[in-house]
Every structure is written in C-alpha cells, then in structure tokens.
Amino acid sequence: MSVFKEGDLALLIDSKERKYLVTLKKDASFSFHKGNVYFNEIIGKPDGTKIKSSHGETLTAFRPTLEEYILKMKRGAQIIYPKDISRIITLLDVFPGAKVFEAGTGSGALTLYLLRAVGEKGKVVSYEKRQDFYENARINIEKFIENEAAGQLILLNKDIAEGIEESDFDRAILDLTEPWLFLDKVVNALKSGGIIGCYLTTVLQIYSLMEEFEKNFSQKLHKIGIFEILERKWEKQGLSLRPALRMVAHTGFIVVFRKLS
C-alpha cells in the first residue's frame, strides 16, 4: 500500500470542497481558517486518508492529480486550462516516444502533460523567453515530475526568434502572442506530416494567423481546423439535477495545421 512520505505533495479537501495543495514536512503544519493541519498525522498514512484540523474540521488528503496540481501551482503566466490541454494532446496526436517542440512554456502546465504523453522514450523541447516565467516553470515541473514516468525534457530560457536548435520534431505547439511570425522556423524544424498547434485567446489573433497561412504557407501546411472547447459541470442536490451555476466557457482557441511534404 502506498503511503504519504515526507516531501510528497498532498491535496487537502475540506467539507466545502475547498482544496489546498501542500508539501509534507515532518513536524510542520498548514494553517487555514478552520485551524491547523499537522503533517505528522498525514505522513505514513495511505492516499485518501481523513484527518481533523485543530478546530475539528474534517479534511481528506489525496495525492494530487496532474489537473489538480496545475490548477493550484504557482503561476507566472496564465496556464492553458486542462480542458484545452486534453484537446491539444488529442488534436496533435501526441504519442509515446514523440519528439515535441513547445514555444511559450509559461507556468509549465502544458509541458507537464506533454511529458506524460510522450513517456520515457519521448522528448519535449520547450522555449520560454522570459526569465521569470522560465524559473517559475522549472520549479513547478520539478515539484511534480519526480514521481512521474516522464519523458526527457530540455527546458530553455530562449526566444524562438533566435531560431530552433533542433529539428525532426513530430509535433509542435506555440503558445505565443504572435505565432504567425515564427511559422517558418517551426515548419523547417518539423518532419513531413508533423502537426503544429497554436493556442490563441482572441479572434483577432486567429485572423492574423490565418492571413499568414493563406498568403505564405498554404503550399507548406494543410489546415486541420480551428477549435474552441467549452466545459460545463452538473450538480445533483436532493431530487434536483441541473447544470452548475458557473462554467469554464471561453479560455482560448486551438488552431491546428499539418506539414506537407
């Protein structure tokens, strides 16, 4: 049976379904509005164990899923939300053993999912030009990756405008404000038949990207499509079953192309 150890991440969930991400340390504690949670009461206990705070609040301690982790980890740049990440992985057909290029590491959310998708025999090369974002992403990734069957990561504090050092990538994802400025560099670094995804937040960005594609890349790329993902949860309360009052609606668009030979 797997038990919590010192240094492990734990997700604490209270009676109101509020979630708190903590790193377990011997003789340390976590303080919140319902008192203190003492980590010694979690260390050595199995995943899913229930504990009480110093004020009598019952909490459940779980190992965080990757989705729970990225929603609670420290952010530099805004993360790509899990609903979009799952579609990116599917649309780009990121497979075990794939070699993937990412520009715009941000806080490292998508990078972590890419590492999981490519597996131990794959490779992810990620560029982040801002030093503060790069450092934050590196810490976020290192906190979660130690227990993951992760692929090989090359994380660089580098601007894609300086060029891409490697080539023969199977897949590429651009989380940039103006990805159309760098299509030539990405196309040259991609294998024939390779897939490119661009994550954008506004329709004006999509328009500029598609204008560049139509003018200069229609003979080099095949357009797969433009996608937007909406997510709505449902709730059951007594005899009532209805949509949740809040939903994760627009977060971004995913534009996908495939390289022609």
Protein backbone atom coordinates (compact mmCIF):
# COMPACT_ATOMS: atom_id res chain seq x y z
CA MET A 1 0.00 0.00 0.00
CA SER A 2 1.36 3.41 -0.98
CA VAL A 3 1.62 5.88 1.90
CA PHE A 4 2.48 9.56 2.14
CA LYS A 5 6.14 10.33 2.76
CA GLU A 6 7.94 13.49 3.80
CA GLY A 7 8.40 15.70 0.75
CA ASP A 8 5.29 14.39 -1.03
CA LEU A 9 2.63 16.71 -2.41
CA ALA A 10 -0.80 16.35 -0.79
CA LEU A 11 -4.14 17.86 -1.75
CA LEU A 12 -6.31 18.64 1.28
CA ILE A 13 -10.07 18.90 0.65
CA ASP A 14 -12.34 20.36 3.34
CA SER A 15 -16.07 19.88 3.93
CA LYS A 16 -16.91 22.70 1.47
CA GLU A 17 -14.79 21.07 -1.28
CA ARG A 18 -12.13 23.78 -0.97
CA LYS A 19 -8.73 22.45 -1.99
CA TYR A 20 -5.30 23.21 -0.56
CA LEU A 21 -2.03 21.98 -2.08
CA VAL A 22 0.75 21.36 0.45
CA THR A 23 4.20 19.77 0.59
CA LEU A 24 4.50 17.42 3.56
CA LYS A 25 7.29 18.14 6.05
CA LYS A 26 7.89 16.39 9.33
CA ASP A 27 6.83 18.42 12.41
CA ALA A 28 5.32 21.14 10.15
CA SER A 29 1.70 22.21 9.67
CA PHE A 30 -0.69 24.02 7.35
CA SER A 31 -2.86 26.85 8.71
CA PHE A 32 -6.24 27.89 7.29
CA HIS A 33 -9.48 29.44 8.56
CA LYS A 34 -10.51 26.17 10.29
CA GLY A 35 -7.31 25.75 12.28
CA ASN A 36 -4.05 23.87 11.75
CA VAL A 37 -3.43 20.59 9.94
CA TYR A 38 -0.39 18.75 11.31
CA PHE A 39 1.59 16.93 8.64
CA ASN A 40 2.75 14.23 11.05
CA GLU A 41 -0.87 13.00 11.02
CA ILE A 42 -0.67 12.51 7.22
CA ILE A 43 2.88 11.16 6.79
CA GLY A 44 2.78 7.37 6.87
CA LYS A 45 -0.95 7.27 6.10
CA PRO A 46 -2.47 5.99 2.82
CA ASP A 47 -3.79 8.10 -0.04
CA GLY A 48 -7.38 9.14 0.72
CA THR A 49 -6.96 9.30 4.49
CA LYS A 50 -9.20 11.58 6.59
CA ILE A 51 -7.80 13.87 9.27
CA LYS A 52 -9.09 16.63 11.55
CA SER A 53 -7.77 20.16 11.95
CA SER A 54 -7.13 21.72 15.35
CA HIS A 55 -10.65 23.26 15.16
CA GLY A 56 -12.34 19.96 14.35
CA GLU A 57 -12.71 20.38 10.57
CA THR A 58 -12.55 17.07 8.70
CA LEU A 59 -10.30 17.05 5.62
CA THR A 60 -9.36 14.36 3.15
CA ALA A 61 -5.76 14.04 1.97
CA PHE A 62 -5.18 12.80 -1.59
CA ARG A 63 -2.18 12.73 -3.86
CA PRO A 64 -3.00 15.48 -6.38
CA THR A 65 -3.80 14.52 -9.93
CA LEU A 66 -1.89 16.47 -12.57
CA GLU A 67 -5.01 18.56 -13.26
CA GLU A 68 -5.39 19.42 -9.57
CA TYR A 69 -1.71 20.26 -9.33
CA ILE A 70 -1.58 22.68 -12.25
CA LEU A 71 -4.71 24.50 -11.06
CA LYS A 72 -3.07 25.06 -7.65
CA MET A 73 0.61 25.53 -8.54
CA LYS A 74 2.29 28.94 -8.55
CA ARG A 75 1.67 30.80 -11.80
CA GLY A 76 3.85 33.23 -13.67
CA ALA A 77 1.97 33.26 -16.94
CA GLN A 78 -1.68 32.25 -17.17
CA ILE A 79 -1.92 28.49 -17.65
CA ILE A 80 -3.62 26.67 -20.51
CA TYR A 81 -6.64 25.09 -18.82
CA PRO A 82 -6.94 21.29 -18.58
CA LYS A 83 -9.99 21.21 -20.88
CA ASP A 84 -7.89 22.78 -23.63
CA ILE A 85 -4.77 20.75 -22.83
CA SER A 86 -6.64 17.47 -23.24
CA ARG A 87 -7.89 18.56 -26.67
CA ILE A 88 -4.42 19.77 -27.70
CA ILE A 89 -2.93 16.38 -26.82
CA THR A 90 -5.66 14.69 -28.90
CA LEU A 91 -5.64 17.07 -31.88
CA LEU A 92 -1.86 16.96 -32.14
CA ASP A 93 -1.91 13.19 -31.60
CA VAL A 94 0.96 13.36 -29.12
CA PHE A 95 2.08 9.75 -28.72
CA PRO A 96 4.56 7.79 -26.57
CA GLY A 97 8.05 8.30 -28.00
CA ALA A 98 7.18 11.52 -29.83
CA LYS A 99 9.63 14.41 -30.12
CA VAL A 100 7.71 17.61 -29.34
CA PHE A 101 8.66 21.29 -29.59
CA GLU A 102 6.92 23.87 -27.39
CA ALA A 103 7.36 27.65 -27.56
CA GLY A 104 5.95 29.56 -24.61
CA THR A 105 6.47 27.35 -21.55
CA GLY A 106 4.53 29.81 -19.38
CA SER A 107 3.95 28.22 -15.98
CA GLY A 108 4.64 24.69 -17.26
CA ALA A 109 1.10 23.24 -17.26
CA LEU A 110 1.06 22.01 -20.87
CA THR A 111 4.72 20.97 -20.58
CA LEU A 112 3.86 18.54 -17.78
CA TYR A 113 1.08 16.96 -19.83
CA LEU A 114 3.35 16.71 -22.87
CA LEU A 115 5.97 14.90 -20.77
CA ARG A 116 3.36 12.44 -19.57
CA ALA A 117 2.08 11.88 -23.12
CA VAL A 118 5.49 11.24 -24.75
CA GLY A 119 6.62 8.91 -21.95
CA GLU A 120 10.12 7.83 -21.04
CA LYS A 121 11.20 7.30 -24.65
CA GLY A 122 9.93 10.66 -25.88
CA LYS A 123 11.39 14.14 -25.76
CA VAL A 124 10.00 17.63 -25.11
CA VAL A 125 11.98 20.75 -26.00
CA SER A 126 10.41 23.88 -24.52
CA TYR A 127 11.45 27.53 -25.03
CA GLU A 128 10.47 30.37 -22.69
CA LYS A 129 11.97 33.78 -23.39
CA ARG A 130 11.05 35.47 -20.07
CA GLN A 131 13.49 34.66 -17.28
CA ASP A 132 10.86 34.93 -14.50
CA PHE A 133 8.42 32.63 -16.31
CA TYR A 134 11.23 30.17 -17.07
CA GLU A 135 12.34 29.96 -13.42
CA ASN A 136 8.77 29.54 -12.17
CA ALA A 137 8.02 26.85 -14.76
CA ARG A 138 11.23 24.97 -13.89
CA ILE A 139 10.25 24.87 -10.20
CA ASN A 140 6.65 23.81 -10.99
CA ILE A 141 7.83 20.99 -13.25
CA GLU A 142 10.49 19.73 -10.83
CA LYS A 143 7.98 19.60 -7.96
CA PHE A 144 5.68 17.22 -9.81
CA ILE A 145 7.93 15.37 -12.19
CA GLU A 146 9.97 13.34 -9.71
CA ASN A 147 7.26 10.70 -9.33
CA GLU A 148 6.20 10.76 -12.97
CA ALA A 149 7.18 8.34 -15.73
CA ALA A 150 8.27 11.45 -17.62
CA GLY A 151 9.98 11.88 -20.94
CA GLN A 152 13.20 13.73 -21.47
CA LEU A 153 12.77 17.49 -21.06
CA ILE A 154 15.01 20.23 -22.44
CA LEU A 155 13.75 23.48 -20.91
CA LEU A 156 15.50 26.59 -22.19
CA ASN A 157 15.29 30.28 -21.35
CA LYS A 158 15.33 31.18 -25.03
CA ASP A 159 13.37 33.26 -27.56
CA ILE A 160 12.12 31.33 -30.59
CA ALA A 161 13.05 34.39 -32.65
CA GLU A 162 16.68 33.28 -32.22
CA GLY A 163 15.88 30.06 -34.07
CA ILE A 164 15.21 26.45 -33.11
CA GLU A 165 18.36 24.47 -32.34
CA GLU A 166 16.99 21.01 -33.13
CA SER A 167 14.92 19.56 -35.99
CA ASP A 168 12.92 16.45 -36.91
CA PHE A 169 10.14 17.17 -34.44
CA ASP A 170 6.98 15.10 -34.70
CA ARG A 171 4.79 17.76 -33.12
CA ALA A 172 4.95 21.46 -32.21
CA ILE A 173 2.78 23.71 -30.06
CA LEU A 174 3.03 27.51 -29.99
CA ASP A 175 1.57 29.36 -27.01
CA LEU A 176 2.65 32.79 -28.24
CA THR A 177 1.02 36.17 -28.80
CA GLU A 178 2.06 36.29 -32.47
CA PRO A 179 2.75 32.72 -33.64
CA TRP A 180 2.45 33.70 -37.32
CA LEU A 181 5.83 35.44 -37.04
CA PHE A 182 7.55 32.10 -36.37
CA LEU A 183 5.73 29.65 -38.64
CA ASP A 184 8.73 29.43 -40.97
CA LYS A 185 11.06 28.38 -38.14
CA VAL A 186 8.61 25.76 -36.87
CA VAL A 187 7.83 24.35 -40.32
CA ASN A 188 11.55 23.92 -41.01
CA ALA A 189 12.05 22.08 -37.71
CA LEU A 190 9.10 19.71 -38.25
CA LYS A 191 9.03 16.35 -40.02
CA SER A 192 6.82 15.94 -43.08
CA GLY A 193 3.38 15.00 -41.81
CA GLY A 194 4.15 16.60 -38.45
CA ILE A 195 1.43 18.55 -36.67
CA ILE A 196 1.53 22.16 -35.42
CA GLY A 197 -0.89 23.58 -32.86
CA CYS A 198 -1.27 27.27 -31.98
CA TYR A 199 -3.04 28.30 -28.77
CA LEU A 200 -4.66 31.74 -29.06
CA THR A 201 -7.05 33.75 -26.89
CA THR A 202 -8.63 36.24 -29.34
CA VAL A 203 -10.32 36.09 -32.73
CA LEU A 204 -8.02 38.85 -33.99
CA GLN A 205 -5.04 36.57 -33.39
CA ILE A 206 -6.77 33.80 -35.33
CA TYR A 207 -7.43 36.20 -38.20
CA SER A 208 -3.76 37.27 -38.37
CA LEU A 209 -2.59 33.66 -38.21
CA MET A 210 -4.94 32.52 -40.97
CA GLU A 211 -3.99 35.50 -43.16
CA GLU A 212 -0.33 34.49 -42.88
CA PHE A 213 -1.20 30.87 -43.61
CA GLU A 214 -3.24 31.75 -46.71
CA LYS A 215 -0.62 34.13 -48.11
CA ASN A 216 2.60 32.27 -47.41
CA PHE A 217 2.05 28.75 -46.08
CA SER A 218 -0.83 27.16 -47.97
CA GLN A 219 1.69 25.13 -50.02
CA LYS A 220 3.59 24.03 -46.92
CA LEU A 221 0.80 23.33 -44.45
CA HIS A 222 -2.59 21.64 -44.51
CA LYS A 223 -5.17 23.30 -42.24
CA ILE A 224 -6.89 20.83 -39.91
CA GLY A 225 -9.15 23.35 -38.18
CA ILE A 226 -9.93 25.99 -35.56
CA PHE A 227 -11.39 24.71 -32.28
CA GLU A 228 -12.91 26.13 -29.08
CA ILE A 229 -13.72 23.93 -26.07
CA LEU A 230 -16.48 24.73 -23.54
CA GLU A 231 -16.89 22.76 -20.32
CA ARG A 232 -19.94 22.62 -18.03
CA LYS A 233 -20.36 20.57 -14.87
CA TRP A 234 -23.66 19.26 -13.49
CA GLU A 235 -24.81 19.05 -9.87
CA LYS A 236 -27.22 16.79 -8.00
CA GLN A 237 -28.89 18.17 -4.87
CA GLY A 238 -31.67 16.02 -3.50
CA LEU A 239 -34.19 15.48 -6.32
CA SER A 240 -32.67 18.28 -8.40
CA LEU A 241 -30.19 17.60 -11.21
CA ARG A 242 -29.07 20.74 -13.06
CA PRO A 243 -26.09 22.45 -14.67
CA ALA A 244 -23.69 24.15 -12.28
CA LEU A 245 -24.21 27.89 -11.94
CA ARG A 246 -20.67 28.56 -13.12
CA MET A 247 -18.90 27.03 -16.09
CA VAL A 248 -15.50 27.23 -17.74
CA ALA A 249 -16.53 28.80 -21.03
CA HIS A 250 -14.10 30.59 -23.35
CA THR A 251 -10.45 30.27 -22.42
CA GLY A 252 -8.79 30.03 -25.82
CA PHE A 253 -8.74 28.72 -29.38
CA ILE A 254 -6.66 25.89 -30.81
CA VAL A 255 -5.59 26.20 -34.46
CA VAL A 256 -4.05 23.08 -36.00
CA PHE A 257 -2.01 22.51 -39.16
CA ARG A 258 -0.13 19.57 -40.65
CA LYS A 259 3.09 19.84 -42.65
CA LEU A 260 3.02 18.87 -46.31
CA SER A 261 5.94 17.08 -47.91
